[in-house]
C-alpha cells in the first residue's frame, strides 16, 4: 500500500473510533431470523457452487484472452522470436 493510501485508512479508522456509540434497542424474532437463514443460506450455496462449476471455464477464457493479448503485443511472433508467416 502506498503511504497516502495507508494514511487514508488510518484517518478513516480514527474517525470511526471517535464516533460516539449509542445503544441499539432491537429485537429479532427467532422465527424471522430462521426465515432469513432459510432464504440466504441456499442462495449463498448456489452462488458458491456456480462459481466452483464455472471456475475452469473462467480460467480457460482468461488464458485464451491472455494468449491473444500477448500475441498482439509481440506482433504475431512465435515463441522462438520468429515472425509468423515468414
PDB file of N, CA and C in Angstrom:
ATOM      1  N   UNK A   1       0.847  -1.176   0.000  1.00  0.00           N
ATOM      2  CA  UNK A   1       0.000   0.000   0.000  1.00  0.00           C
ATOM      3  C   UNK A   1       0.890   1.235   0.000  1.00  0.00           C
ATOM      4  N   UNK A   2       0.491   2.255  -0.700  1.00  0.00           N
ATOM      5  CA  UNK A   2       1.272   3.483  -0.695  1.00  0.00           C
ATOM      6  C   UNK A   2       1.052   4.220   0.611  1.00  0.00           C
ATOM      7  N   UNK A   3       1.933   5.159   0.892  1.00  0.00           N
ATOM      8  CA  UNK A   3       1.824   5.887   2.160  1.00  0.00           C
ATOM      9  C   UNK A   3       0.547   6.729   2.202  1.00  0.00           C
ATOM     10  N   UNK A   4       0.130   7.239   1.056  1.00  0.00           N
ATOM     11  CA  UNK A   4      -1.088   8.051   1.017  1.00  0.00           C
ATOM     12  C   UNK A   4      -2.325   7.200   1.300  1.00  0.00           C
ATOM     13  N   UNK A   5      -2.362   6.000   0.727  1.00  0.00           N
ATOM     14  CA  UNK A   5      -3.483   5.094   0.969  1.00  0.00           C
ATOM     15  C   UNK A   5      -3.489   4.637   2.424  1.00  0.00           C
ATOM     16  N   UNK A   6      -2.327   4.368   2.982  1.00  0.00           N
ATOM     17  CA  UNK A   6      -2.235   3.977   4.390  1.00  0.00           C
ATOM     18  C   UNK A   6      -2.724   5.095   5.280  1.00  0.00           C
ATOM     19  N   UNK A   7      -2.370   6.311   4.955  1.00  0.00           N
ATOM     20  CA  UNK A   7      -2.809   7.465   5.733  1.00  0.00           C
ATOM     21  C   UNK A   7      -4.331   7.610   5.679  1.00  0.00           C
ATOM     22  N   UNK A   8      -4.926   7.371   4.515  1.00  0.00           N
ATOM     23  CA  UNK A   8      -6.384   7.452   4.382  1.00  0.00           C
ATOM     24  C   UNK A   8      -7.074   6.391   5.229  1.00  0.00           C
ATOM     25  N   UNK A   9      -6.533   5.179   5.227  1.00  0.00           N
ATOM     26  CA  UNK A   9      -7.131   4.100   6.014  1.00  0.00           C
ATOM     27  C   UNK A   9      -7.030   4.424   7.497  1.00  0.00           C
ATOM     28  N   UNK A  10      -5.879   4.926   7.937  1.00  0.00           N
ATOM     29  CA  UNK A  10      -5.705   5.283   9.341  1.00  0.00           C
ATOM     30  C   UNK A  10      -6.626   6.437   9.742  1.00  0.00           C
ATOM     31  N   UNK A  11      -6.802   7.411   8.862  1.00  0.00           N
ATOM     32  CA  UNK A  11      -7.691   8.530   9.155  1.00  0.00           C
ATOM     33  C   UNK A  11      -9.137   8.049   9.268  1.00  0.00           C
ATOM     34  N   UNK A  12      -9.539   7.146   8.395  1.00  0.00           N
ATOM     35  CA  UNK A  12     -10.890   6.594   8.453  1.00  0.00           C
ATOM     36  C   UNK A  12     -11.091   5.788   9.729  1.00  0.00           C
ATOM     37  N   UNK A  13     -10.093   4.990  10.107  1.00  0.00           N
ATOM     38  CA  UNK A  13     -10.196   4.203  11.341  1.00  0.00           C
ATOM     39  C   UNK A  13     -10.290   5.118  12.562  1.00  0.00           C
ATOM     40  N   UNK A  14      -9.514   6.219  12.574  1.00  0.00           N
ATOM     41  CA  UNK A  14      -9.564   7.168  13.684  1.00  0.00           C
ATOM     42  C   UNK A  14     -10.925   7.855  13.750  1.00  0.00           C
ATOM     43  N   UNK A  15     -11.485   8.198  12.594  1.00  0.00           N
ATOM     44  CA  UNK A  15     -12.804   8.828  12.550  1.00  0.00           C
ATOM     45  C   UNK A  15     -13.879   7.896  13.088  1.00  0.00           C
ATOM     46  N   UNK A  16     -13.821   6.631  12.673  1.00  0.00           N
ATOM     47  CA  UNK A  16     -14.802   5.654  13.151  1.00  0.00           C
ATOM     48  C   UNK A  16     -14.650   5.429  14.650  1.00  0.00           C
ATOM     49  N   UNK A  17     -13.412   5.423  15.142  1.00  0.00           N
ATOM     50  CA  UNK A  17     -13.172   5.211  16.569  1.00  0.00           C
ATOM     51  C   UNK A  17     -13.699   6.375  17.410  1.00  0.00           C
ATOM     52  N   UNK A  18     -13.771   7.564  16.848  1.00  0.00           N
ATOM     53  CA  UNK A  18     -14.223   8.743  17.598  1.00  0.00           C
ATOM     54  C   UNK A  18     -15.737   8.921  17.582  1.00  0.00           C
ATOM     55  N   UNK A  19     -16.439   8.177  16.761  1.00  0.00           N
ATOM     56  CA  UNK A  19     -17.886   8.314  16.669  1.00  0.00           C
ATOM     57  C   UNK A  19     -18.511   7.769  17.955  1.00  0.00           C
ATOM     58  N   UNK A  20     -19.374   8.552  18.590  1.00  0.00           N
ATOM     59  CA  UNK A  20     -19.988   8.053  19.831  1.00  0.00           C
ATOM     60  C   UNK A  20     -20.935   6.886  19.542  1.00  0.00           C
ATOM     61  N   UNK A  21     -20.873   5.902  20.406  1.00  0.00           N
ATOM     62  CA  UNK A  21     -21.723   4.732  20.235  1.00  0.00           C
ATOM     63  C   UNK A  21     -23.025   4.926  20.993  1.00  0.00           C
ATOM     64  N   UNK A  22     -24.102   4.505  20.391  1.00  0.00           N
ATOM     65  CA  UNK A  22     -25.412   4.561  21.040  1.00  0.00           C
ATOM     66  C   UNK A  22     -25.929   3.136  21.165  1.00  0.00           C
ATOM     67  N   UNK A  23     -26.645   2.906  22.218  1.00  0.00           N
ATOM     68  CA  UNK A  23     -27.228   1.585  22.405  1.00  0.00           C
ATOM     69  C   UNK A  23     -28.341   1.380  21.379  1.00  0.00           C
ATOM     70  N   UNK A  24     -28.371   0.213  20.802  1.00  0.00           N
ATOM     71  CA  UNK A  24     -29.413  -0.124  19.835  1.00  0.00           C
ATOM     72  C   UNK A  24     -30.385  -1.059  20.520  1.00  0.00           C
ATOM     73  N   UNK A  25     -31.569  -0.597  20.726  1.00  0.00           N
ATOM     74  CA  UNK A  25     -32.594  -1.412  21.351  1.00  0.00           C
ATOM     75  C   UNK A  25     -33.370  -2.111  20.250  1.00  0.00           C
ATOM     76  N   UNK A  26     -32.911  -3.282  19.910  1.00  0.00           N
ATOM     77  CA  UNK A  26     -33.524  -4.013  18.811  1.00  0.00           C
ATOM     78  C   UNK A  26     -33.762  -5.449  19.232  1.00  0.00           C
ATOM     79  N   UNK A  27     -34.751  -6.043  18.639  1.00  0.00           N
ATOM     80  CA  UNK A  27     -35.073  -7.434  18.914  1.00  0.00           C
ATOM     81  C   UNK A  27     -35.388  -8.109  17.591  1.00  0.00           C
ATOM     82  N   UNK A  28     -34.721  -9.225  17.356  1.00  0.00           N
ATOM     83  CA  UNK A  28     -35.001 -10.002  16.156  1.00  0.00           C
ATOM     84  C   UNK A  28     -35.716 -11.262  16.602  1.00  0.00           C
ATOM     85  N   UNK A  29     -36.917 -11.411  16.131  1.00  0.00           N
ATOM     86  CA  UNK A  29     -37.704 -12.582  16.462  1.00  0.00           C
ATOM     87  C   UNK A  29     -37.009 -13.827  15.914  1.00  0.00           C
ATOM     88  N   UNK A  30     -36.883 -14.888  16.703  1.00  0.00           N
ATOM     89  CA  UNK A  30     -36.214 -16.102  16.221  1.00  0.00           C
ATOM     90  C   UNK A  30     -36.830 -16.670  14.947  1.00  0.00           C
ATOM     91  N   UNK A  31     -38.123 -16.548  14.805  1.00  0.00           N
ATOM     92  CA  UNK A  31     -38.761 -17.043  13.581  1.00  0.00           C
ATOM     93  C   UNK A  31     -38.357 -16.214  12.365  1.00  0.00           C
ATOM     94  N   UNK A  32     -38.179 -14.917  12.550  1.00  0.00           N
ATOM     95  CA  UNK A  32     -37.727 -14.063  11.451  1.00  0.00           C
ATOM     96  C   UNK A  32     -36.304 -14.403  11.064  1.00  0.00           C
ATOM     97  N   UNK A  33     -35.451 -14.618  12.053  1.00  0.00           N
ATOM     98  CA  UNK A  33     -34.063 -14.970  11.764  1.00  0.00           C
ATOM     99  C   UNK A  33     -33.993 -16.322  11.063  1.00  0.00           C
ATOM    100  N   UNK A  34     -34.843 -17.264  11.456  1.00  0.00           N
ATOM    101  CA  UNK A  34     -34.871 -18.568  10.808  1.00  0.00           C
ATOM    102  C   UNK A  34     -35.293 -18.473   9.354  1.00  0.00           C
ATOM    103  N   UNK A  35     -36.275 -17.640   9.083  1.00  0.00           N
ATOM    104  CA  UNK A  35     -36.719 -17.448   7.699  1.00  0.00           C
ATOM    105  C   UNK A  35     -35.627 -16.813   6.853  1.00  0.00           C
ATOM    106  N   UNK A  36     -34.967 -15.819   7.428  1.00  0.00           N
ATOM    107  CA  UNK A  36     -33.868 -15.165   6.717  1.00  0.00           C
ATOM    108  C   UNK A  36     -32.752 -16.159   6.417  1.00  0.00           C
ATOM    109  N   UNK A  37     -32.440 -17.006   7.384  1.00  0.00           N
ATOM    110  CA  UNK A  37     -31.413 -18.025   7.205  1.00  0.00           C
ATOM    111  C   UNK A  37     -31.821 -19.001   6.108  1.00  0.00           C
ATOM    112  N   UNK A  38     -33.086 -19.409   6.108  1.00  0.00           N
ATOM    113  CA  UNK A  38     -33.561 -20.363   5.113  1.00  0.00           C
ATOM    114  C   UNK A  38     -33.532 -19.790   3.707  1.00  0.00           C
ATOM    115  N   UNK A  39     -33.606 -18.485   3.575  1.00  0.00           N
ATOM    116  CA  UNK A  39     -33.549 -17.845   2.256  1.00  0.00           C
ATOM    117  C   UNK A  39     -32.104 -17.612   1.830  1.00  0.00           C
ATOM    118  N   UNK A  40     -31.290 -17.066   2.731  1.00  0.00           N
ATOM    119  CA  UNK A  40     -29.933 -16.658   2.365  1.00  0.00           C
ATOM    120  C   UNK A  40     -28.954 -17.820   2.239  1.00  0.00           C
ATOM    121  N   UNK A  41     -29.044 -18.823   3.099  1.00  0.00           N
ATOM    122  CA  UNK A  41     -28.065 -19.910   3.066  1.00  0.00           C
ATOM    123  C   UNK A  41     -28.080 -20.659   1.737  1.00  0.00           C
ATOM    124  N   UNK A  42     -29.231 -21.112   1.237  1.00  0.00           N
ATOM    125  CA  UNK A  42     -29.214 -21.775  -0.071  1.00  0.00           C
ATOM    126  C   UNK A  42     -28.760 -20.855  -1.206  1.00  0.00           C
ATOM    127  N   UNK A  43     -29.082 -19.578  -1.086  1.00  0.00           N
ATOM    128  CA  UNK A  43     -28.650 -18.630  -2.109  1.00  0.00           C
ATOM    129  C   UNK A  43     -27.122 -18.526  -2.144  1.00  0.00           C
ATOM    130  N   UNK A  44     -26.507 -18.431  -0.977  1.00  0.00           N
ATOM    131  CA  UNK A  44     -25.048 -18.374  -0.905  1.00  0.00           C
ATOM    132  C   UNK A  44     -24.414 -19.675  -1.390  1.00  0.00           C
ATOM    133  N   UNK A  45     -25.008 -20.791  -1.057  1.00  0.00           N
ATOM    134  CA  UNK A  45     -24.505 -22.084  -1.532  1.00  0.00           C
ATOM    135  C   UNK A  45     -24.606 -22.169  -3.057  1.00  0.00           C
ATOM    136  N   UNK A  46     -25.705 -21.696  -3.625  1.00  0.00           N
ATOM    137  CA  UNK A  46     -25.882 -21.724  -5.082  1.00  0.00           C
ATOM    138  C   UNK A  46     -24.852 -20.843  -5.780  1.00  0.00           C
ATOM    139  N   UNK A  47     -24.592 -19.667  -5.222  1.00  0.00           N
ATOM    140  CA  UNK A  47     -23.600 -18.774  -5.823  1.00  0.00           C
ATOM    141  C   UNK A  47     -22.214 -19.405  -5.756  1.00  0.00           C
ATOM    142  N   UNK A  48     -21.879 -19.977  -4.612  1.00  0.00           N
ATOM    143  CA  UNK A  48     -20.579 -20.641  -4.475  1.00  0.00           C
ATOM    144  C   UNK A  48     -20.433 -21.832  -5.395  1.00  0.00           C
ATOM    145  N   UNK A  49     -21.496 -22.610  -5.538  1.00  0.00           N
ATOM    146  CA  UNK A  49     -21.459 -23.776  -6.423  1.00  0.00           C
ATOM    147  C   UNK A  49     -21.324 -23.359  -7.889  1.00  0.00           C
ATOM    148  N   UNK A  50     -22.028 -22.310  -8.273  1.00  0.00           N
ATOM    149  CA  UNK A  50     -21.931 -21.825  -9.658  1.00  0.00           C
ATOM    150  C   UNK A  50     -20.516 -21.335  -9.949  1.00  0.00           C
ATOM    151  N   UNK A  51     -19.923 -20.628  -9.003  1.00  0.00           N
ATOM    152  CA  UNK A  51     -18.551 -20.160  -9.198  1.00  0.00           C
ATOM    153  C   UNK A  51     -17.598 -21.338  -9.306  1.00  0.00           C
ATOM    154  N   UNK A  52     -17.770 -22.357  -8.446  1.00  0.00           N
ATOM    155  CA  UNK A  52     -16.904 -23.530  -8.489  1.00  0.00           C
ATOM    156  C   UNK A  52     -17.071 -24.284  -9.813  1.00  0.00           C
ATOM    157  N   UNK A  53     -18.312 -24.390 -10.290  1.00  0.00           N
ATOM    158  CA  UNK A  53     -18.563 -25.092 -11.545  1.00  0.00           C
ATOM    159  C   UNK A  53     -18.000 -24.329 -12.743  1.00  0.00           C
ATOM    160  N   UNK A  54     -18.055 -23.028 -12.696  1.00  0.00           N
ATOM    161  CA  UNK A  54     -17.588 -22.218 -13.825  1.00  0.00           C
ATOM    162  C   UNK A  54     -16.117 -21.826 -13.715  1.00  0.00           C
ATOM    163  N   UNK A  55     -15.455 -22.259 -12.641  1.00  0.00           N
ATOM    164  CA  UNK A  55     -14.068 -21.856 -12.417  1.00  0.00           C
ATOM    165  C   UNK A  55     -13.171 -22.257 -13.582  1.00  0.00           C
ATOM    166  N   UNK A  56     -13.322 -23.484 -14.075  1.00  0.00           N
ATOM    167  CA  UNK A  56     -12.489 -23.942 -15.196  1.00  0.00           C
ATOM    168  C   UNK A  56     -12.798 -23.152 -16.464  1.00  0.00           C
ATOM    169  N   UNK A  57     -14.065 -22.898 -16.702  1.00  0.00           N
ATOM    170  CA  UNK A  57     -14.460 -22.139 -17.894  1.00  0.00           C
ATOM    171  C   UNK A  57     -13.871 -20.730 -17.831  1.00  0.00           C
ATOM    172  N   UNK A  58     -13.957 -20.110 -16.660  1.00  0.00           N
ATOM    173  CA  UNK A  58     -13.411 -18.771 -16.486  1.00  0.00           C
ATOM    174  C   UNK A  58     -11.895 -18.794 -16.660  1.00  0.00           C
ATOM    175  N   UNK A  59     -11.235 -19.806 -16.108  1.00  0.00           N
ATOM    176  CA  UNK A  59      -9.773 -19.901 -16.227  1.00  0.00           C
ATOM    177  C   UNK A  59      -9.356 -20.093 -17.680  1.00  0.00           C
ATOM    178  N   UNK A  60     -10.074 -20.946 -18.428  1.00  0.00           N
ATOM    179  CA  UNK A  60      -9.751 -21.141 -19.848  1.00  0.00           C
ATOM    180  C   UNK A  60      -9.954 -19.861 -20.654  1.00  0.00           C
ATOM    181  N   UNK A  61     -11.061 -19.154 -20.397  1.00  0.00           N
ATOM    182  CA  UNK A  61     -11.326 -17.906 -21.117  1.00  0.00           C
ATOM    183  C   UNK A  61     -10.254 -16.879 -20.808  1.00  0.00           C
ATOM    184  N   UNK A  62      -9.850 -16.796 -19.540  1.00  0.00           N
ATOM    185  CA  UNK A  62      -8.806 -15.845 -19.153  1.00  0.00           C
ATOM    186  C   UNK A  62      -7.480 -16.206 -19.822  1.00  0.00           C
ATOM    187  N   UNK A  63      -7.166 -17.503 -19.888  1.00  0.00           N
ATOM    188  CA  UNK A  63      -5.930 -17.953 -20.524  1.00  0.00           C
ATOM    189  C   UNK A  63      -5.939 -17.618 -22.014  1.00  0.00           C
ATOM    190  N   UNK A  64      -7.059 -17.850 -22.678  1.00  0.00           N
ATOM    191  CA  UNK A  64      -7.154 -17.512 -24.108  1.00  0.00           C
ATOM    192  C   UNK A  64      -7.007 -16.006 -24.334  1.00  0.00           C
ATOM    193  N   UNK A  65      -7.644 -15.226 -23.482  1.00  0.00           N
ATOM    194  CA  UNK A  65      -7.535 -13.776 -23.599  1.00  0.00           C
ATOM    195  C   UNK A  65      -6.092 -13.325 -23.401  1.00  0.00           C
ATOM    196  N   UNK A  66      -5.428 -13.897 -22.410  1.00  0.00           N
ATOM    197  CA  UNK A  66      -4.031 -13.541 -22.164  1.00  0.00           C
ATOM    198  C   UNK A  66      -3.150 -13.924 -23.352  1.00  0.00           C
ATOM    199  N   UNK A  67      -3.411 -15.087 -23.950  1.00  0.00           N
ATOM    200  CA  UNK A  67      -2.631 -15.519 -25.118  1.00  0.00           C
ATOM    201  C   UNK A  67      -2.837 -14.573 -26.286  1.00  0.00           C
ATOM    202  N   UNK A  68      -4.076 -14.158 -26.522  1.00  0.00           N
ATOM    203  CA  UNK A  68      -4.360 -13.229 -27.618  1.00  0.00           C
ATOM    204  C   UNK A  68      -3.660 -11.897 -27.382  1.00  0.00           C
ATOM    205  N   UNK A  69      -3.715 -11.398 -26.157  1.00  0.00           N
ATOM    206  CA  UNK A  69      -3.081 -10.110 -25.846  1.00  0.00           C
ATOM    207  C   UNK A  69      -1.573 -10.204 -25.993  1.00  0.00           C
ATOM    208  N   UNK A  70      -0.969 -11.280 -25.486  1.00  0.00           N
ATOM    209  CA  UNK A  70       0.489 -11.445 -25.589  1.00  0.00           C
ATOM    210  C   UNK A  70       0.893 -11.560 -27.051  1.00  0.00           C
ATOM    211  N   UNK A  71       0.137 -12.301 -27.846  1.00  0.00           N
ATOM    212  CA  UNK A  71       0.442 -12.435 -29.274  1.00  0.00           C
ATOM    213  C   UNK A  71       0.328 -11.088 -29.981  1.00  0.00           C
ATOM    214  N   UNK A  72      -0.670 -10.309 -29.634  1.00  0.00           N
ATOM    215  CA  UNK A  72      -0.838  -8.992 -30.261  1.00  0.00           C
ATOM    216  C   UNK A  72       0.289  -8.054 -29.858  1.00  0.00           C
ATOM    217  N   UNK A  73       0.708  -8.115 -28.609  1.00  0.00           N
ATOM    218  CA  UNK A  73       1.784  -7.236 -28.144  1.00  0.00           C
ATOM    219  C   UNK A  73       3.104  -7.619 -28.783  1.00  0.00           C
ATOM    220  N   UNK A  74       3.346  -8.911 -28.947  1.00  0.00           N
ATOM    221  CA  UNK A  74       4.593  -9.373 -29.567  1.00  0.00           C
ATOM    222  C   UNK A  74       4.581  -9.194 -31.083  1.00  0.00           C
ATOM    223  N   UNK A  75       3.480  -8.824 -31.630  1.00  0.00           N
ATOM    224  CA  UNK A  75       3.392  -8.580 -33.076  1.00  0.00           C
ATOM    225  C   UNK A  75       3.281  -9.846 -33.881  1.00  0.00           C
ATOM    226  N   UNK A  76       2.684 -10.882 -33.320  1.00  0.00           N
ATOM    227  CA  UNK A  76       2.483 -12.111 -34.076  1.00  0.00           C
ATOM    228  C   UNK A  76       3.698 -13.008 -34.099  1.00  0.00           C
ATOM    229  N   UNK A  77       4.715 -12.743 -33.277  1.00  0.00           N
ATOM    230  CA  UNK A  77       5.903 -13.594 -33.255  1.00  0.00           C
ATOM    231  C   UNK A  77       5.627 -14.871 -32.485  1.00  0.00           C
ATOM    232  N   UNK A  78       6.265 -15.937 -32.865  1.00  0.00           N
ATOM    233  CA  UNK A  78       6.119 -17.200 -32.150  1.00  0.00           C
ATOM    234  C   UNK A  78       7.038 -17.192 -30.932  1.00  0.00           C
ATOM    235  N   UNK A  79       7.083 -18.313 -30.225  1.00  0.00           N
ATOM    236  CA  UNK A  79       7.888 -18.373 -29.020  1.00  0.00           C
ATOM    237  C   UNK A  79       9.384 -18.318 -29.324  1.00  0.00           C
ATOM    238  N   UNK A  80       9.795 -18.699 -30.523  1.00  0.00           N
ATOM    239  CA  UNK A  80      11.210 -18.669 -30.878  1.00  0.00           C
ATOM    240  C   UNK A  80      11.668 -17.287 -31.325  1.00  0.00           C
ATOM    241  N   UNK A  81      10.751 -16.349 -31.394  1.00  0.00           N
ATOM    242  CA  UNK A  81      11.126 -14.997 -31.788  1.00  0.00           C
ATOM    243  C   UNK A  81      11.036 -14.739 -33.274  1.00  0.00           C
ATOM    244  N   UNK A  82      10.496 -15.700 -34.034  1.00  0.00           N
ATOM    245  CA  UNK A  82      10.361 -15.538 -35.477  1.00  0.00           C
ATOM    246  C   UNK A  82       9.028 -14.922 -35.798  1.00  0.00           C
ATOM    247  N   UNK A  83       8.959 -14.235 -36.924  1.00  0.00           N
ATOM    248  CA  UNK A  83       7.685 -13.684 -37.375  1.00  0.00           C
ATOM    249  C   UNK A  83       6.826 -14.812 -37.945  1.00  0.00           C
ATOM    250  N   UNK A  84       5.544 -14.796 -37.588  1.00  0.00           N
ATOM    251  CA  UNK A  84       4.631 -15.805 -38.128  1.00  0.00           C
ATOM    252  C   UNK A  84       4.390 -15.514 -39.603  1.00  0.00           C
ATOM    253  N   UNK A  85       4.448 -16.553 -40.401  1.00  0.00           N
ATOM    254  CA  UNK A  85       4.166 -16.418 -41.826  1.00  0.00           C
ATOM    255  C   UNK A  85       5.327 -15.896 -42.638  1.00  0.00           C
ATOM    256  N   UNK A  86       6.528 -15.932 -42.102  1.00  0.00           N
ATOM    257  CA  UNK A  86       7.611 -15.612 -42.993  1.00  0.00           C
ATOM    258  C   UNK A  86       8.647 -14.825 -42.387  1.00  0.00           C
TER     259      UNK A  86
END
